[in-house]
Every structure is written in C-alpha cells, then in structure tokens.
C-alpha cells in the first residue's frame, strides 16, 4: 500500500499540503494527523484521496508510540512524509510557560525526528520527506528564543539527512517560511508577547506550499525559501555575527510605543 503521511494536517500549511497533493503524488491513502479529530474529518471535503484519520497529540510520548505501532503493523510504502506539526510562542523567556517551552521542543523537534525515523524503514527510492522549519531557523531570535532554536534544529537536521539519504535516492527538503496567514500567529502572539508586533509581510499558505512541492519534486534544493526577505536573511547570516543580526531583528520587529 502506497501512502503519504501529513502531520499538522487539520489547518495551516498541513491542510494546504493535503489540498495540493493530488498534483504531485499518486497514493492509495493519505494519513492525516493532528489533535483535532473533528477538523481532520472535515478534510474529506477538500481531498480526492482516501484519508486515514489519526487524531493524536504528537507532543506526547504515548501518541508517538501509537503511531509507530500503526506504521509497523501496516508496513506501508511511504512515498511522502510531511512533518508540518509545530507551534511557537513569543515573549520574554521567563514569562512563557515552561510547559509551552518544552512543548515546542517536543513537537517541533522530538516528534519530527521520531516520525522521520519511524518512516525511513518503509521508504524506497524516490520517496520524499518535507520538513517545516522557518525563517527563524537562520538566526537566534530574542523573545522567540526556544521557537527559533527548535527550528534551527529542524533545518540542520534536514540538511544533514538529505546528504545521508542521497545514496538511497530519498529526497529531503526543509521549508523555511516567514510569517504565514494561519492560526500559528494567533497561538504564538499571546499575552506573553509584549515585545514584538512588527511582523512585516504575511504570506499565503498556498504560495508557500506550491513552492515547497515544486522545490521537492522539480529541483535539487535542500531548502525551500519563498520571498526575497527570507532568501536575504539566509544570505546575510553567512556574513554578519549573530549579535548584530539580533540587534537588527529587534529594531525591525520590536513593539512600538504608541504616543
């Protein structure tokens, strides 16, 4: 059985990856994973694929164990894995709940690695892995410290994995979007954030996903970066020290006092 797996599928980029998938893959089933079963079932209205609804909170150890058991029992041929589940929090480190800080690491990093590892034994030549990192991965970000660090991990892990898996002809792509018009920003920009509000341009999820699929299947890129600012950030960070980069970031993003 040929399948695709999409985590964080109920909304945002994950939902858009499912919506556009029929242009790029031919599989028997798409396994869609997120915490909200109701939202997952609604995906059947937008997808031409047969869906396997898998309501799991991937930040929890027992959920990861259940997913591994399902994969091992079905032994599918995984043609596409998209690790889109993740979240962020903005604000002073000491004001962000420790549970949220650890949750970002568990979901953005630990779950991503675990699901990638669960999937690799069931991936063959020409399989594809798409990992959602962030523009935040390119530099340390004050007031988004844990989130940026978690996405830096995703980026470096994905780049290294792409080289390791090249002999098996398994494709790995890291996607590094800037701010996207999704529910992510509502969750991230909570009461803890009294430092940042100048977010600049927001991108449409459909545009980020369209480029990601194109880069995954039509190019040999390791990183998919939509927009001049994202590409410029990546370029600039090769030449300037982190201390200066953080200073520039704060000057552009800091909350302005209203007179």
C-alpha atoms as a PDB file:
ATOM      1  CA  UNK A   1       0.000   0.000   0.000  1.00  0.00           C
ATOM      2  CA  UNK A   2       1.410   3.361  -1.069  1.00  0.00           C
ATOM      3  CA  UNK A   3       0.749   6.186   1.385  1.00  0.00           C
ATOM      4  CA  UNK A   4       1.614   9.748   2.307  1.00  0.00           C
ATOM      5  CA  UNK A   5       1.764  10.996   5.896  1.00  0.00           C
ATOM      6  CA  UNK A   6       0.986  14.618   6.801  1.00  0.00           C
ATOM      7  CA  UNK A   7       1.269  15.820  10.377  1.00  0.00           C
ATOM      8  CA  UNK A   8      -0.438  19.022  11.488  1.00  0.00           C
ATOM      9  CA  UNK A   9      -2.901  18.316   8.691  1.00  0.00           C
ATOM     10  CA  UNK A  10      -6.028  19.877  10.168  1.00  0.00           C
ATOM     11  CA  UNK A  11      -5.072  23.506   9.481  1.00  0.00           C
ATOM     12  CA  UNK A  12      -2.468  25.879   8.096  1.00  0.00           C
ATOM     13  CA  UNK A  13       0.344  24.544   5.957  1.00  0.00           C
ATOM     14  CA  UNK A  14      -0.528  20.909   6.668  1.00  0.00           C
ATOM     15  CA  UNK A  15      -4.062  21.348   5.341  1.00  0.00           C
ATOM     16  CA  UNK A  16      -2.733  23.137   2.261  1.00  0.00           C
ATOM     17  CA  UNK A  17      -0.187  20.377   1.616  1.00  0.00           C
ATOM     18  CA  UNK A  18      -3.073  17.903   1.525  1.00  0.00           C
ATOM     19  CA  UNK A  19      -5.136  20.143  -0.746  1.00  0.00           C
ATOM     20  CA  UNK A  20      -2.347  20.439  -3.312  1.00  0.00           C
ATOM     21  CA  UNK A  21      -1.062  16.870  -3.007  1.00  0.00           C
ATOM     22  CA  UNK A  22      -3.048  15.437  -5.924  1.00  0.00           C
ATOM     23  CA  UNK A  23      -0.903  17.457  -8.342  1.00  0.00           C
ATOM     24  CA  UNK A  24       2.247  15.729  -7.146  1.00  0.00           C
ATOM     25  CA  UNK A  25       1.616  12.238  -5.777  1.00  0.00           C
ATOM     26  CA  UNK A  26      -0.349   9.094  -6.520  1.00  0.00           C
ATOM     27  CA  UNK A  27      -1.014   7.040  -3.389  1.00  0.00           C
ATOM     28  CA  UNK A  28      -3.654   4.681  -2.023  1.00  0.00           C
ATOM     29  CA  UNK A  29      -4.110   6.593   1.234  1.00  0.00           C
ATOM     30  CA  UNK A  30      -3.044   9.781   2.938  1.00  0.00           C
ATOM     31  CA  UNK A  31      -2.625   9.505   6.674  1.00  0.00           C
ATOM     32  CA  UNK A  32      -3.600  12.838   8.225  1.00  0.00           C
ATOM     33  CA  UNK A  33      -2.553  13.508  11.798  1.00  0.00           C
ATOM     34  CA  UNK A  34      -3.438  16.223  14.303  1.00  0.00           C
ATOM     35  CA  UNK A  35      -5.038  16.607  17.736  1.00  0.00           C
ATOM     36  CA  UNK A  36      -8.473  17.650  16.453  1.00  0.00           C
ATOM     37  CA  UNK A  37     -10.464  14.712  15.101  1.00  0.00           C
ATOM     38  CA  UNK A  38     -13.395  16.887  14.001  1.00  0.00           C
ATOM     39  CA  UNK A  39     -11.147  19.092  11.862  1.00  0.00           C
ATOM     40  CA  UNK A  40      -9.434  16.035  10.413  1.00  0.00           C
ATOM     41  CA  UNK A  41     -12.753  14.559   9.298  1.00  0.00           C
ATOM     42  CA  UNK A  42     -13.607  17.807   7.547  1.00  0.00           C
ATOM     43  CA  UNK A  43     -10.563  17.258   5.321  1.00  0.00           C
ATOM     44  CA  UNK A  44     -12.547  14.644   3.429  1.00  0.00           C
ATOM     45  CA  UNK A  45     -14.450  17.549   1.876  1.00  0.00           C
ATOM     46  CA  UNK A  46     -11.321  19.018   0.272  1.00  0.00           C
ATOM     47  CA  UNK A  47      -9.348  15.895  -0.627  1.00  0.00           C
ATOM     48  CA  UNK A  48      -9.676  13.469  -3.515  1.00  0.00           C
ATOM     49  CA  UNK A  49      -7.601  10.904  -1.625  1.00  0.00           C
ATOM     50  CA  UNK A  50      -8.774   8.184   0.693  1.00  0.00           C
ATOM     51  CA  UNK A  51      -7.857   9.508   4.139  1.00  0.00           C
ATOM     52  CA  UNK A  52      -6.900   7.655   7.276  1.00  0.00           C
ATOM     53  CA  UNK A  53      -7.922   9.915  10.153  1.00  0.00           C
ATOM     54  CA  UNK A  54      -5.382   9.715  13.001  1.00  0.00           C
ATOM     55  CA  UNK A  55      -6.180  12.033  15.933  1.00  0.00           C
ATOM     56  CA  UNK A  56      -3.009  12.186  18.035  1.00  0.00           C
ATOM     57  CA  UNK A  57      -1.201  14.790  20.112  1.00  0.00           C
ATOM     58  CA  UNK A  58       2.312  14.241  18.784  1.00  0.00           C
ATOM     59  CA  UNK A  59       3.897  16.146  21.643  1.00  0.00           C
ATOM     60  CA  UNK A  60       3.007  13.177  23.868  1.00  0.00           C
ATOM     61  CA  UNK A  61       5.120  10.038  24.115  1.00  0.00           C
ATOM     62  CA  UNK A  62       2.137   7.674  24.085  1.00  0.00           C
ATOM     63  CA  UNK A  63       0.860   9.212  20.825  1.00  0.00           C
ATOM     64  CA  UNK A  64       4.211   8.660  19.128  1.00  0.00           C
ATOM     65  CA  UNK A  65       4.156   5.074  20.340  1.00  0.00           C
ATOM     66  CA  UNK A  66       0.672   4.555  18.849  1.00  0.00           C
ATOM     67  CA  UNK A  67       1.779   5.936  15.506  1.00  0.00           C
ATOM     68  CA  UNK A  68       4.836   3.686  15.416  1.00  0.00           C
ATOM     69  CA  UNK A  69       2.678   0.658  16.191  1.00  0.00           C
ATOM     70  CA  UNK A  70       0.313   1.593  13.348  1.00  0.00           C
ATOM     71  CA  UNK A  71       3.136   2.035  10.839  1.00  0.00           C
ATOM     72  CA  UNK A  72       4.816  -1.211  11.857  1.00  0.00           C
ATOM     73  CA  UNK A  73       1.553  -3.143  11.668  1.00  0.00           C
ATOM     74  CA  UNK A  74       0.557  -1.859   8.211  1.00  0.00           C
ATOM     75  CA  UNK A  75       4.098  -1.835   6.752  1.00  0.00           C
ATOM     76  CA  UNK A  76       3.152   0.703   4.052  1.00  0.00           C
ATOM     77  CA  UNK A  77       5.324   2.076   1.287  1.00  0.00           C
ATOM     78  CA  UNK A  78       5.670   5.681   2.451  1.00  0.00           C
ATOM     79  CA  UNK A  79       6.110   7.771  -0.691  1.00  0.00           C
ATOM     80  CA  UNK A  80       5.779  11.145   1.034  1.00  0.00           C
ATOM     81  CA  UNK A  81       6.238  12.330   4.613  1.00  0.00           C
ATOM     82  CA  UNK A  82       5.410  15.920   5.530  1.00  0.00           C
ATOM     83  CA  UNK A  83       6.244  16.955   9.083  1.00  0.00           C
ATOM     84  CA  UNK A  84       4.125  20.092   9.390  1.00  0.00           C
ATOM     85  CA  UNK A  85       3.036  19.864  13.033  1.00  0.00           C
ATOM     86  CA  UNK A  86       4.519  22.568  15.216  1.00  0.00           C
ATOM     87  CA  UNK A  87       3.877  25.772  17.121  1.00  0.00           C
ATOM     88  CA  UNK A  88       5.653  28.778  18.566  1.00  0.00           C
ATOM     89  CA  UNK A  89       5.380  31.273  21.403  1.00  0.00           C
ATOM     90  CA  UNK A  90       6.548  34.876  21.509  1.00  0.00           C
ATOM     91  CA  UNK A  91       7.517  36.805  24.622  1.00  0.00           C
ATOM     92  CA  UNK A  92      10.128  37.046  27.330  1.00  0.00           C
ATOM     93  CA  UNK A  93      11.524  33.616  28.102  1.00  0.00           C
ATOM     94  CA  UNK A  94      10.642  33.811  31.788  1.00  0.00           C
ATOM     95  CA  UNK A  95       7.032  34.789  31.000  1.00  0.00           C
ATOM     96  CA  UNK A  96       6.381  31.879  28.660  1.00  0.00           C
ATOM     97  CA  UNK A  97       5.016  28.841  30.479  1.00  0.00           C
ATOM     98  CA  UNK A  98       7.656  26.154  30.861  1.00  0.00           C
ATOM     99  CA  UNK A  99       5.092  23.666  29.566  1.00  0.00           C
ATOM    100  CA  UNK A 100       4.912  25.645  26.311  1.00  0.00           C
ATOM    101  CA  UNK A 101       8.699  25.902  26.076  1.00  0.00           C
ATOM    102  CA  UNK A 102       9.122  22.152  26.458  1.00  0.00           C
ATOM    103  CA  UNK A 103       6.093  21.537  24.248  1.00  0.00           C
ATOM    104  CA  UNK A 104       7.752  23.370  21.357  1.00  0.00           C
ATOM    105  CA  UNK A 105      10.808  21.150  21.673  1.00  0.00           C
ATOM    106  CA  UNK A 106       8.685  18.011  21.952  1.00  0.00           C
ATOM    107  CA  UNK A 107       6.515  18.773  18.927  1.00  0.00           C
ATOM    108  CA  UNK A 108       8.818  20.766  16.661  1.00  0.00           C
ATOM    109  CA  UNK A 109      11.865  18.552  17.188  1.00  0.00           C
ATOM    110  CA  UNK A 110      11.336  15.325  19.098  1.00  0.00           C
ATOM    111  CA  UNK A 111       8.174  14.305  17.245  1.00  0.00           C
ATOM    112  CA  UNK A 112       9.661  15.284  13.885  1.00  0.00           C
ATOM    113  CA  UNK A 113      12.730  13.118  14.443  1.00  0.00           C
ATOM    114  CA  UNK A 114      10.684  10.226  15.792  1.00  0.00           C
ATOM    115  CA  UNK A 115       8.235  10.195  12.872  1.00  0.00           C
ATOM    116  CA  UNK A 116      11.062  10.526  10.366  1.00  0.00           C
ATOM    117  CA  UNK A 117      12.804   7.554  11.967  1.00  0.00           C
ATOM    118  CA  UNK A 118       9.592   5.511  12.075  1.00  0.00           C
ATOM    119  CA  UNK A 119       9.057   6.192   8.375  1.00  0.00           C
ATOM    120  CA  UNK A 120      12.522   5.588   6.949  1.00  0.00           C
ATOM    121  CA  UNK A 121      12.407   1.760   7.078  1.00  0.00           C
ATOM    122  CA  UNK A 122       9.278   1.961   4.905  1.00  0.00           C
ATOM    123  CA  UNK A 123      10.613   4.410   2.327  1.00  0.00           C
ATOM    124  CA  UNK A 124      12.027   3.372  -1.030  1.00  0.00           C
ATOM    125  CA  UNK A 125      13.801   5.082  -3.891  1.00  0.00           C
ATOM    126  CA  UNK A 126      12.117   8.335  -4.972  1.00  0.00           C
ATOM    127  CA  UNK A 127      10.350   8.802  -1.634  1.00  0.00           C
ATOM    128  CA  UNK A 128      10.246  12.366  -0.331  1.00  0.00           C
ATOM    129  CA  UNK A 129      10.464  13.985   3.103  1.00  0.00           C
ATOM    130  CA  UNK A 130       9.363  17.606   3.594  1.00  0.00           C
ATOM    131  CA  UNK A 131      10.214  19.167   6.958  1.00  0.00           C
ATOM    132  CA  UNK A 132       8.742  22.516   8.005  1.00  0.00           C
ATOM    133  CA  UNK A 133      11.425  24.725   9.517  1.00  0.00           C
ATOM    134  CA  UNK A 134      11.156  28.532   9.489  1.00  0.00           C
ATOM    135  CA  UNK A 135      12.887  31.757   8.568  1.00  0.00           C
ATOM    136  CA  UNK A 136      13.522  31.875  12.318  1.00  0.00           C
ATOM    137  CA  UNK A 137      15.946  28.976  11.846  1.00  0.00           C
ATOM    138  CA  UNK A 138      18.607  31.213  10.322  1.00  0.00           C
ATOM    139  CA  UNK A 139      19.439  33.235  13.446  1.00  0.00           C
ATOM    140  CA  UNK A 140      18.831  33.486  17.215  1.00  0.00           C
ATOM    141  CA  UNK A 141      15.674  35.473  17.950  1.00  0.00           C
ATOM    142  CA  UNK A 142      15.193  37.253  21.279  1.00  0.00           C
ATOM    143  CA  UNK A 143      11.630  36.848  22.560  1.00  0.00           C
ATOM    144  CA  UNK A 144      11.232  33.780  20.341  1.00  0.00           C
ATOM    145  CA  UNK A 145      14.260  32.023  21.782  1.00  0.00           C
ATOM    146  CA  UNK A 146      13.008  28.461  22.078  1.00  0.00           C
ATOM    147  CA  UNK A 147      10.974  28.532  18.871  1.00  0.00           C
ATOM    148  CA  UNK A 148      13.878  29.825  16.768  1.00  0.00           C
ATOM    149  CA  UNK A 149      16.243  27.296  18.320  1.00  0.00           C
ATOM    150  CA  UNK A 150      13.794  24.467  17.681  1.00  0.00           C
ATOM    151  CA  UNK A 151      13.509  25.421  14.017  1.00  0.00           C
ATOM    152  CA  UNK A 152      17.293  25.766  13.665  1.00  0.00           C
ATOM    153  CA  UNK A 153      17.426  22.144  14.763  1.00  0.00           C
ATOM    154  CA  UNK A 154      14.892  21.164  12.079  1.00  0.00           C
ATOM    155  CA  UNK A 155      16.873  22.965   9.389  1.00  0.00           C
ATOM    156  CA  UNK A 156      20.256  21.465  10.266  1.00  0.00           C
ATOM    157  CA  UNK A 157      18.823  18.003  10.842  1.00  0.00           C
ATOM    158  CA  UNK A 158      17.077  18.073   7.464  1.00  0.00           C
ATOM    159  CA  UNK A 159      20.128  19.310   5.556  1.00  0.00           C
ATOM    160  CA  UNK A 160      22.327  16.589   7.041  1.00  0.00           C
ATOM    161  CA  UNK A 161      19.688  13.915   6.497  1.00  0.00           C
ATOM    162  CA  UNK A 162      19.373  14.926   2.842  1.00  0.00           C
ATOM    163  CA  UNK A 163      23.032  14.093   2.314  1.00  0.00           C
ATOM    164  CA  UNK A 164      22.803  10.810   4.229  1.00  0.00           C
ATOM    165  CA  UNK A 165      19.773   9.630   2.262  1.00  0.00           C
ATOM    166  CA  UNK A 166      21.015  10.680  -1.164  1.00  0.00           C
ATOM    167  CA  UNK A 167      22.553   7.231  -1.875  1.00  0.00           C
ATOM    168  CA  UNK A 168      19.096   5.727  -1.233  1.00  0.00           C
ATOM    169  CA  UNK A 169      17.608   8.332  -3.604  1.00  0.00           C
ATOM    170  CA  UNK A 170      15.280   9.606  -0.888  1.00  0.00           C
ATOM    171  CA  UNK A 171      14.669  13.336  -1.161  1.00  0.00           C
ATOM    172  CA  UNK A 172      14.703  15.619   1.917  1.00  0.00           C
ATOM    173  CA  UNK A 173      13.621  19.255   1.754  1.00  0.00           C
ATOM    174  CA  UNK A 174      13.488  21.845   4.544  1.00  0.00           C
ATOM    175  CA  UNK A 175      10.904  24.619   4.127  1.00  0.00           C
ATOM    176  CA  UNK A 176      11.705  27.965   5.771  1.00  0.00           C
ATOM    177  CA  UNK A 177       8.648  30.222   5.537  1.00  0.00           C
ATOM    178  CA  UNK A 178       8.352  33.658   7.060  1.00  0.00           C
ATOM    179  CA  UNK A 179       5.052  34.602   8.737  1.00  0.00           C
ATOM    180  CA  UNK A 180       2.124  32.815   7.090  1.00  0.00           C
ATOM    181  CA  UNK A 181      -1.589  33.616   7.326  1.00  0.00           C
ATOM    182  CA  UNK A 182      -2.516  30.672   9.555  1.00  0.00           C
ATOM    183  CA  UNK A 183      -3.645  30.022  13.121  1.00  0.00           C
ATOM    184  CA  UNK A 184       0.032  29.809  14.090  1.00  0.00           C
ATOM    185  CA  UNK A 185       0.327  33.541  14.663  1.00  0.00           C
ATOM    186  CA  UNK A 186      -2.761  33.640  16.909  1.00  0.00           C
ATOM    187  CA  UNK A 187      -1.275  30.994  19.174  1.00  0.00           C
ATOM    188  CA  UNK A 188       2.227  32.479  19.129  1.00  0.00           C
ATOM    189  CA  UNK A 189       1.209  36.109  19.645  1.00  0.00           C
ATOM    190  CA  UNK A 190      -0.396  35.623  23.039  1.00  0.00           C
ATOM    191  CA  UNK A 191      -0.495  37.597  26.278  1.00  0.00           C
ATOM    192  CA  UNK A 192       3.147  36.722  26.942  1.00  0.00           C
ATOM    193  CA  UNK A 193       4.220  38.831  23.963  1.00  0.00           C
ATOM    194  CA  UNK A 194       4.675  42.465  24.914  1.00  0.00           C
ATOM    195  CA  UNK A 195       7.877  42.939  22.898  1.00  0.00           C
ATOM    196  CA  UNK A 196       7.153  42.189  19.234  1.00  0.00           C
ATOM    197  CA  UNK A 197       4.409  43.294  16.876  1.00  0.00           C
ATOM    198  CA  UNK A 198       6.004  44.441  13.625  1.00  0.00           C
ATOM    199  CA  UNK A 199       5.781  41.203  11.679  1.00  0.00           C
ATOM    200  CA  UNK A 200       6.075  42.549   8.146  1.00  0.00           C
ATOM    201  CA  UNK A 201       4.522  40.765   5.192  1.00  0.00           C
ATOM    202  CA  UNK A 202       2.383  37.687   5.751  1.00  0.00           C
ATOM    203  CA  UNK A 203       2.453  35.005   3.059  1.00  0.00           C
ATOM    204  CA  UNK A 204      -0.417  32.843   1.880  1.00  0.00           C
ATOM    205  CA  UNK A 205      -0.184  29.168   2.811  1.00  0.00           C
ATOM    206  CA  UNK A 206      -0.996  28.147  -0.748  1.00  0.00           C
ATOM    207  CA  UNK A 207       2.048  30.007  -2.076  1.00  0.00           C
ATOM    208  CA  UNK A 208       4.431  28.508   0.479  1.00  0.00           C
ATOM    209  CA  UNK A 209       3.143  25.010  -0.263  1.00  0.00           C
ATOM    210  CA  UNK A 210       3.165  25.456  -4.033  1.00  0.00           C
ATOM    211  CA  UNK A 211       6.846  26.427  -3.951  1.00  0.00           C
ATOM    212  CA  UNK A 212       7.689  23.651  -1.488  1.00  0.00           C
ATOM    213  CA  UNK A 213       6.193  20.957  -3.716  1.00  0.00           C
ATOM    214  CA  UNK A 214       7.937  22.424  -6.767  1.00  0.00           C
ATOM    215  CA  UNK A 215      11.279  22.517  -4.959  1.00  0.00           C
ATOM    216  CA  UNK A 216      10.806  18.974  -3.655  1.00  0.00           C
ATOM    217  CA  UNK A 217       9.919  17.384  -6.986  1.00  0.00           C
ATOM    218  CA  UNK A 218      11.426  19.655  -9.636  1.00  0.00           C
ATOM    219  CA  UNK A 219      14.727  20.890  -8.155  1.00  0.00           C
ATOM    220  CA  UNK A 220      17.691  19.590  -6.187  1.00  0.00           C
ATOM    221  CA  UNK A 221      17.450  22.258  -3.499  1.00  0.00           C
ATOM    222  CA  UNK A 222      17.955  21.404   0.165  1.00  0.00           C
ATOM    223  CA  UNK A 223      15.911  24.418   1.289  1.00  0.00           C
ATOM    224  CA  UNK A 224      12.677  25.961   0.010  1.00  0.00           C
ATOM    225  CA  UNK A 225      12.572  29.698   0.746  1.00  0.00           C
ATOM    226  CA  UNK A 226       9.694  31.818  -0.541  1.00  0.00           C
ATOM    227  CA  UNK A 227      10.152  35.577  -0.736  1.00  0.00           C
ATOM    228  CA  UNK A 228      13.065  37.983  -1.030  1.00  0.00           C
ATOM    229  CA  UNK A 229      13.265  38.697   2.718  1.00  0.00           C
ATOM    230  CA  UNK A 230      13.628  35.019   3.561  1.00  0.00           C
ATOM    231  CA  UNK A 231      16.305  34.488   0.935  1.00  0.00           C
ATOM    232  CA  UNK A 232      18.077  37.689   2.007  1.00  0.00           C
ATOM    233  CA  UNK A 233      18.060  36.624   5.656  1.00  0.00           C
ATOM    234  CA  UNK A 234      19.632  33.320   4.687  1.00  0.00           C
ATOM    235  CA  UNK A 235      22.274  35.098   2.604  1.00  0.00           C
ATOM    236  CA  UNK A 236      23.007  37.796   5.180  1.00  0.00           C
ATOM    237  CA  UNK A 237      23.521  35.367   8.051  1.00  0.00           C
ATOM    238  CA  UNK A 238      26.523  33.937   6.239  1.00  0.00           C
ATOM    239  CA  UNK A 239      28.386  37.214   6.690  1.00  0.00           C
ATOM    240  CA  UNK A 240      27.272  39.025   9.856  1.00  0.00           C
ATOM    241  CA  UNK A 241      27.685  37.993  13.507  1.00  0.00           C
ATOM    242  CA  UNK A 242      24.685  36.770  15.476  1.00  0.00           C
ATOM    243  CA  UNK A 243      24.912  39.733  17.871  1.00  0.00           C
ATOM    244  CA  UNK A 244      24.422  42.215  15.023  1.00  0.00           C
ATOM    245  CA  UNK A 245      21.676  40.089  13.461  1.00  0.00           C
ATOM    246  CA  UNK A 246      19.730  40.113  16.727  1.00  0.00           C
ATOM    247  CA  UNK A 247      20.102  43.866  17.037  1.00  0.00           C
ATOM    248  CA  UNK A 248      18.751  44.379  13.512  1.00  0.00           C
ATOM    249  CA  UNK A 249      15.897  41.963  14.149  1.00  0.00           C
ATOM    250  CA  UNK A 250      14.829  43.790  17.299  1.00  0.00           C
ATOM    251  CA  UNK A 251      14.984  47.189  15.610  1.00  0.00           C
ATOM    252  CA  UNK A 252      12.675  45.927  12.854  1.00  0.00           C
ATOM    253  CA  UNK A 253      10.309  43.805  14.952  1.00  0.00           C
ATOM    254  CA  UNK A 254      10.064  45.495  18.348  1.00  0.00           C
ATOM    255  CA  UNK A 255       6.729  46.722  19.568  1.00  0.00           C
ATOM    256  CA  UNK A 256       6.394  50.452  19.009  1.00  0.00           C
ATOM    257  CA  UNK A 257       5.167  52.620  21.865  1.00  0.00           C
ATOM    258  CA  UNK A 258       2.014  54.474  20.954  1.00  0.00           C
ATOM    259  CA  UNK A 259       2.065  58.188  21.709  1.00  0.00           C
END
